[in-house]
């Protein structure tokens, strides 16, 4: 397998993208289930089960929560653009380009599974 020599600024942008996405996903779990105020609901009882899906009333997002979500999304867009349009990609073609993108995509998977800092 070919190991690609990624420029440091590309690695830094990819790591920042990975970390920002992780932070955003963690933050999103603390938010109400609906961005707008919405009444809760209870679904029908499921066949052959006592399970009944439901959601409580949602107060919607606060202004602070909306601003934080917007900030995360803007940062993710900025970092994603840096990674996707980096000049390094123009040095590769065809299957090498695809292989390099996949290798960069999964660099943090290897580092995370080994308990090391992501590259």
C-alpha atoms as a PDB file:
ATOM      1  CA  UNK A   1       0.000   0.000   0.000  1.00  0.00           C
ATOM      2  CA  UNK A   2       1.308   3.411  -0.954  1.00  0.00           C
ATOM      3  CA  UNK A   3       1.791   5.816   1.942  1.00  0.00           C
ATOM      4  CA  UNK A   4       1.156   9.381   0.871  1.00  0.00           C
ATOM      5  CA  UNK A   5       3.225  12.250   2.237  1.00  0.00           C
ATOM      6  CA  UNK A   6       0.444  14.670   3.124  1.00  0.00           C
ATOM      7  CA  UNK A   7       1.447  18.305   3.727  1.00  0.00           C
ATOM      8  CA  UNK A   8       1.220  19.333   7.381  1.00  0.00           C
ATOM      9  CA  UNK A   9      -1.397  22.023   6.745  1.00  0.00           C
ATOM     10  CA  UNK A  10      -3.661  19.423   5.104  1.00  0.00           C
ATOM     11  CA  UNK A  11      -3.198  17.062   8.047  1.00  0.00           C
ATOM     12  CA  UNK A  12      -3.923  19.914  10.473  1.00  0.00           C
ATOM     13  CA  UNK A  13      -7.089  20.891   8.596  1.00  0.00           C
ATOM     14  CA  UNK A  14      -8.285  17.274   8.487  1.00  0.00           C
ATOM     15  CA  UNK A  15      -7.656  16.832  12.217  1.00  0.00           C
ATOM     16  CA  UNK A  16      -9.471  20.097  12.987  1.00  0.00           C
ATOM     17  CA  UNK A  17     -12.374  18.935  10.804  1.00  0.00           C
ATOM     18  CA  UNK A  18     -12.534  15.595  12.620  1.00  0.00           C
ATOM     19  CA  UNK A  19     -12.406  17.220  16.062  1.00  0.00           C
ATOM     20  CA  UNK A  20     -14.938  19.924  15.179  1.00  0.00           C
ATOM     21  CA  UNK A  21     -17.362  17.317  13.810  1.00  0.00           C
ATOM     22  CA  UNK A  22     -16.968  15.309  17.004  1.00  0.00           C
ATOM     23  CA  UNK A  23     -17.565  18.397  19.178  1.00  0.00           C
ATOM     24  CA  UNK A  24     -20.623  19.352  17.120  1.00  0.00           C
ATOM     25  CA  UNK A  25     -22.123  15.861  17.399  1.00  0.00           C
ATOM     26  CA  UNK A  26     -21.565  15.881  21.161  1.00  0.00           C
ATOM     27  CA  UNK A  27     -23.136  19.352  21.451  1.00  0.00           C
ATOM     28  CA  UNK A  28     -26.100  18.293  19.298  1.00  0.00           C
ATOM     29  CA  UNK A  29     -26.995  15.579  21.817  1.00  0.00           C
ATOM     30  CA  UNK A  30     -27.673  18.307  24.403  1.00  0.00           C
ATOM     31  CA  UNK A  31     -30.146  20.176  22.180  1.00  0.00           C
ATOM     32  CA  UNK A  32     -33.928  19.843  22.180  1.00  0.00           C
ATOM     33  CA  UNK A  33     -35.197  17.380  19.564  1.00  0.00           C
ATOM     34  CA  UNK A  34     -36.703  20.209  17.483  1.00  0.00           C
ATOM     35  CA  UNK A  35     -35.068  23.515  16.595  1.00  0.00           C
ATOM     36  CA  UNK A  36     -38.497  25.182  16.670  1.00  0.00           C
ATOM     37  CA  UNK A  37     -40.965  24.915  19.551  1.00  0.00           C
ATOM     38  CA  UNK A  38     -43.082  21.859  18.857  1.00  0.00           C
ATOM     39  CA  UNK A  39     -45.667  19.827  20.703  1.00  0.00           C
ATOM     40  CA  UNK A  40     -44.700  16.355  21.788  1.00  0.00           C
ATOM     41  CA  UNK A  41     -46.373  13.265  20.405  1.00  0.00           C
ATOM     42  CA  UNK A  42     -47.004   9.624  21.106  1.00  0.00           C
ATOM     43  CA  UNK A  43     -47.126   7.044  18.350  1.00  0.00           C
ATOM     44  CA  UNK A  44     -49.249   3.944  18.016  1.00  0.00           C
ATOM     45  CA  UNK A  45     -48.378   0.785  19.904  1.00  0.00           C
ATOM     46  CA  UNK A  46     -46.141  -1.433  17.788  1.00  0.00           C
ATOM     47  CA  UNK A  47     -47.448  -4.805  16.617  1.00  0.00           C
ATOM     48  CA  UNK A  48     -46.266  -7.699  18.815  1.00  0.00           C
ATOM     49  CA  UNK A  49     -44.634  -5.262  21.215  1.00  0.00           C
ATOM     50  CA  UNK A  50     -45.481  -2.946  24.044  1.00  0.00           C
ATOM     51  CA  UNK A  51     -43.216  -0.253  22.563  1.00  0.00           C
ATOM     52  CA  UNK A  52     -44.840   3.094  21.868  1.00  0.00           C
ATOM     53  CA  UNK A  53     -42.618   5.800  20.337  1.00  0.00           C
ATOM     54  CA  UNK A  54     -42.981   9.253  21.834  1.00  0.00           C
ATOM     55  CA  UNK A  55     -41.358  12.657  22.172  1.00  0.00           C
ATOM     56  CA  UNK A  56     -41.910  15.263  24.903  1.00  0.00           C
ATOM     57  CA  UNK A  57     -42.722  18.882  24.062  1.00  0.00           C
ATOM     58  CA  UNK A  58     -39.725  20.686  22.574  1.00  0.00           C
ATOM     59  CA  UNK A  59     -39.052  24.263  23.658  1.00  0.00           C
ATOM     60  CA  UNK A  60     -36.974  24.823  20.509  1.00  0.00           C
ATOM     61  CA  UNK A  61     -33.444  26.199  20.435  1.00  0.00           C
ATOM     62  CA  UNK A  62     -32.467  29.293  22.373  1.00  0.00           C
ATOM     63  CA  UNK A  63     -30.771  32.132  20.500  1.00  0.00           C
ATOM     64  CA  UNK A  64     -27.472  31.028  22.026  1.00  0.00           C
ATOM     65  CA  UNK A  65     -27.997  27.454  20.812  1.00  0.00           C
ATOM     66  CA  UNK A  66     -28.870  28.671  17.298  1.00  0.00           C
ATOM     67  CA  UNK A  67     -25.713  30.776  17.234  1.00  0.00           C
ATOM     68  CA  UNK A  68     -23.576  27.859  18.432  1.00  0.00           C
ATOM     69  CA  UNK A  69     -25.035  25.512  15.810  1.00  0.00           C
ATOM     70  CA  UNK A  70     -24.449  28.144  13.115  1.00  0.00           C
ATOM     71  CA  UNK A  71     -20.842  28.613  14.302  1.00  0.00           C
ATOM     72  CA  UNK A  72     -20.189  24.859  14.202  1.00  0.00           C
ATOM     73  CA  UNK A  73     -21.702  24.561  10.719  1.00  0.00           C
ATOM     74  CA  UNK A  74     -19.683  27.519   9.407  1.00  0.00           C
ATOM     75  CA  UNK A  75     -16.467  26.071  10.839  1.00  0.00           C
ATOM     76  CA  UNK A  76     -17.235  22.629   9.384  1.00  0.00           C
ATOM     77  CA  UNK A  77     -17.868  24.186   5.971  1.00  0.00           C
ATOM     78  CA  UNK A  78     -14.630  26.174   6.166  1.00  0.00           C
ATOM     79  CA  UNK A  79     -12.530  23.169   7.208  1.00  0.00           C
ATOM     80  CA  UNK A  80     -14.223  20.841   4.734  1.00  0.00           C
ATOM     81  CA  UNK A  81     -13.447  23.285   1.938  1.00  0.00           C
ATOM     82  CA  UNK A  82      -9.812  23.543   3.045  1.00  0.00           C
ATOM     83  CA  UNK A  83      -9.434  19.770   2.952  1.00  0.00           C
ATOM     84  CA  UNK A  84     -11.304  19.201  -0.311  1.00  0.00           C
ATOM     85  CA  UNK A  85      -9.653  21.999  -2.291  1.00  0.00           C
ATOM     86  CA  UNK A  86      -6.113  21.680  -0.948  1.00  0.00           C
ATOM     87  CA  UNK A  87      -3.477  22.038  -3.713  1.00  0.00           C
ATOM     88  CA  UNK A  88      -2.016  18.632  -2.751  1.00  0.00           C
ATOM     89  CA  UNK A  89      -4.891  16.887  -4.563  1.00  0.00           C
ATOM     90  CA  UNK A  90      -3.811  18.424  -7.876  1.00  0.00           C
ATOM     91  CA  UNK A  91      -0.533  16.468  -7.665  1.00  0.00           C
ATOM     92  CA  UNK A  92      -2.416  13.161  -7.991  1.00  0.00           C
ATOM     93  CA  UNK A  93      -4.604  11.574 -10.650  1.00  0.00           C
ATOM     94  CA  UNK A  94      -6.989   8.671 -11.045  1.00  0.00           C
ATOM     95  CA  UNK A  95      -6.725   5.812  -8.589  1.00  0.00           C
ATOM     96  CA  UNK A  96      -3.871   7.531  -6.726  1.00  0.00           C
ATOM     97  CA  UNK A  97      -6.135  10.486  -5.994  1.00  0.00           C
ATOM     98  CA  UNK A  98      -8.884   8.185  -4.749  1.00  0.00           C
ATOM     99  CA  UNK A  99      -6.465   6.114  -2.634  1.00  0.00           C
ATOM    100  CA  UNK A 100      -4.908   9.222  -1.087  1.00  0.00           C
ATOM    101  CA  UNK A 101      -8.305  10.694  -0.196  1.00  0.00           C
ATOM    102  CA  UNK A 102      -9.330   7.415   1.442  1.00  0.00           C
ATOM    103  CA  UNK A 103      -6.040   7.210   3.329  1.00  0.00           C
ATOM    104  CA  UNK A 104      -6.469  10.763   4.651  1.00  0.00           C
ATOM    105  CA  UNK A 105     -10.099  10.067   5.516  1.00  0.00           C
ATOM    106  CA  UNK A 106      -9.132   7.118   7.705  1.00  0.00           C
ATOM    107  CA  UNK A 107      -5.895   8.414   9.269  1.00  0.00           C
ATOM    108  CA  UNK A 108      -7.688   9.357  12.494  1.00  0.00           C
ATOM    109  CA  UNK A 109      -9.366   5.907  12.646  1.00  0.00           C
ATOM    110  CA  UNK A 110      -5.998   4.197  12.974  1.00  0.00           C
ATOM    111  CA  UNK A 111      -4.648   6.730  15.467  1.00  0.00           C
ATOM    112  CA  UNK A 112      -7.832   6.662  17.571  1.00  0.00           C
ATOM    113  CA  UNK A 113      -7.892   2.870  17.729  1.00  0.00           C
ATOM    114  CA  UNK A 114      -4.263   2.832  18.880  1.00  0.00           C
ATOM    115  CA  UNK A 115      -4.929   5.454  21.542  1.00  0.00           C
ATOM    116  CA  UNK A 116      -2.590   7.959  19.938  1.00  0.00           C
ATOM    117  CA  UNK A 117      -3.143  11.536  18.886  1.00  0.00           C
ATOM    118  CA  UNK A 118      -4.742  11.676  15.456  1.00  0.00           C
ATOM    119  CA  UNK A 119      -2.477  12.684  12.617  1.00  0.00           C
END
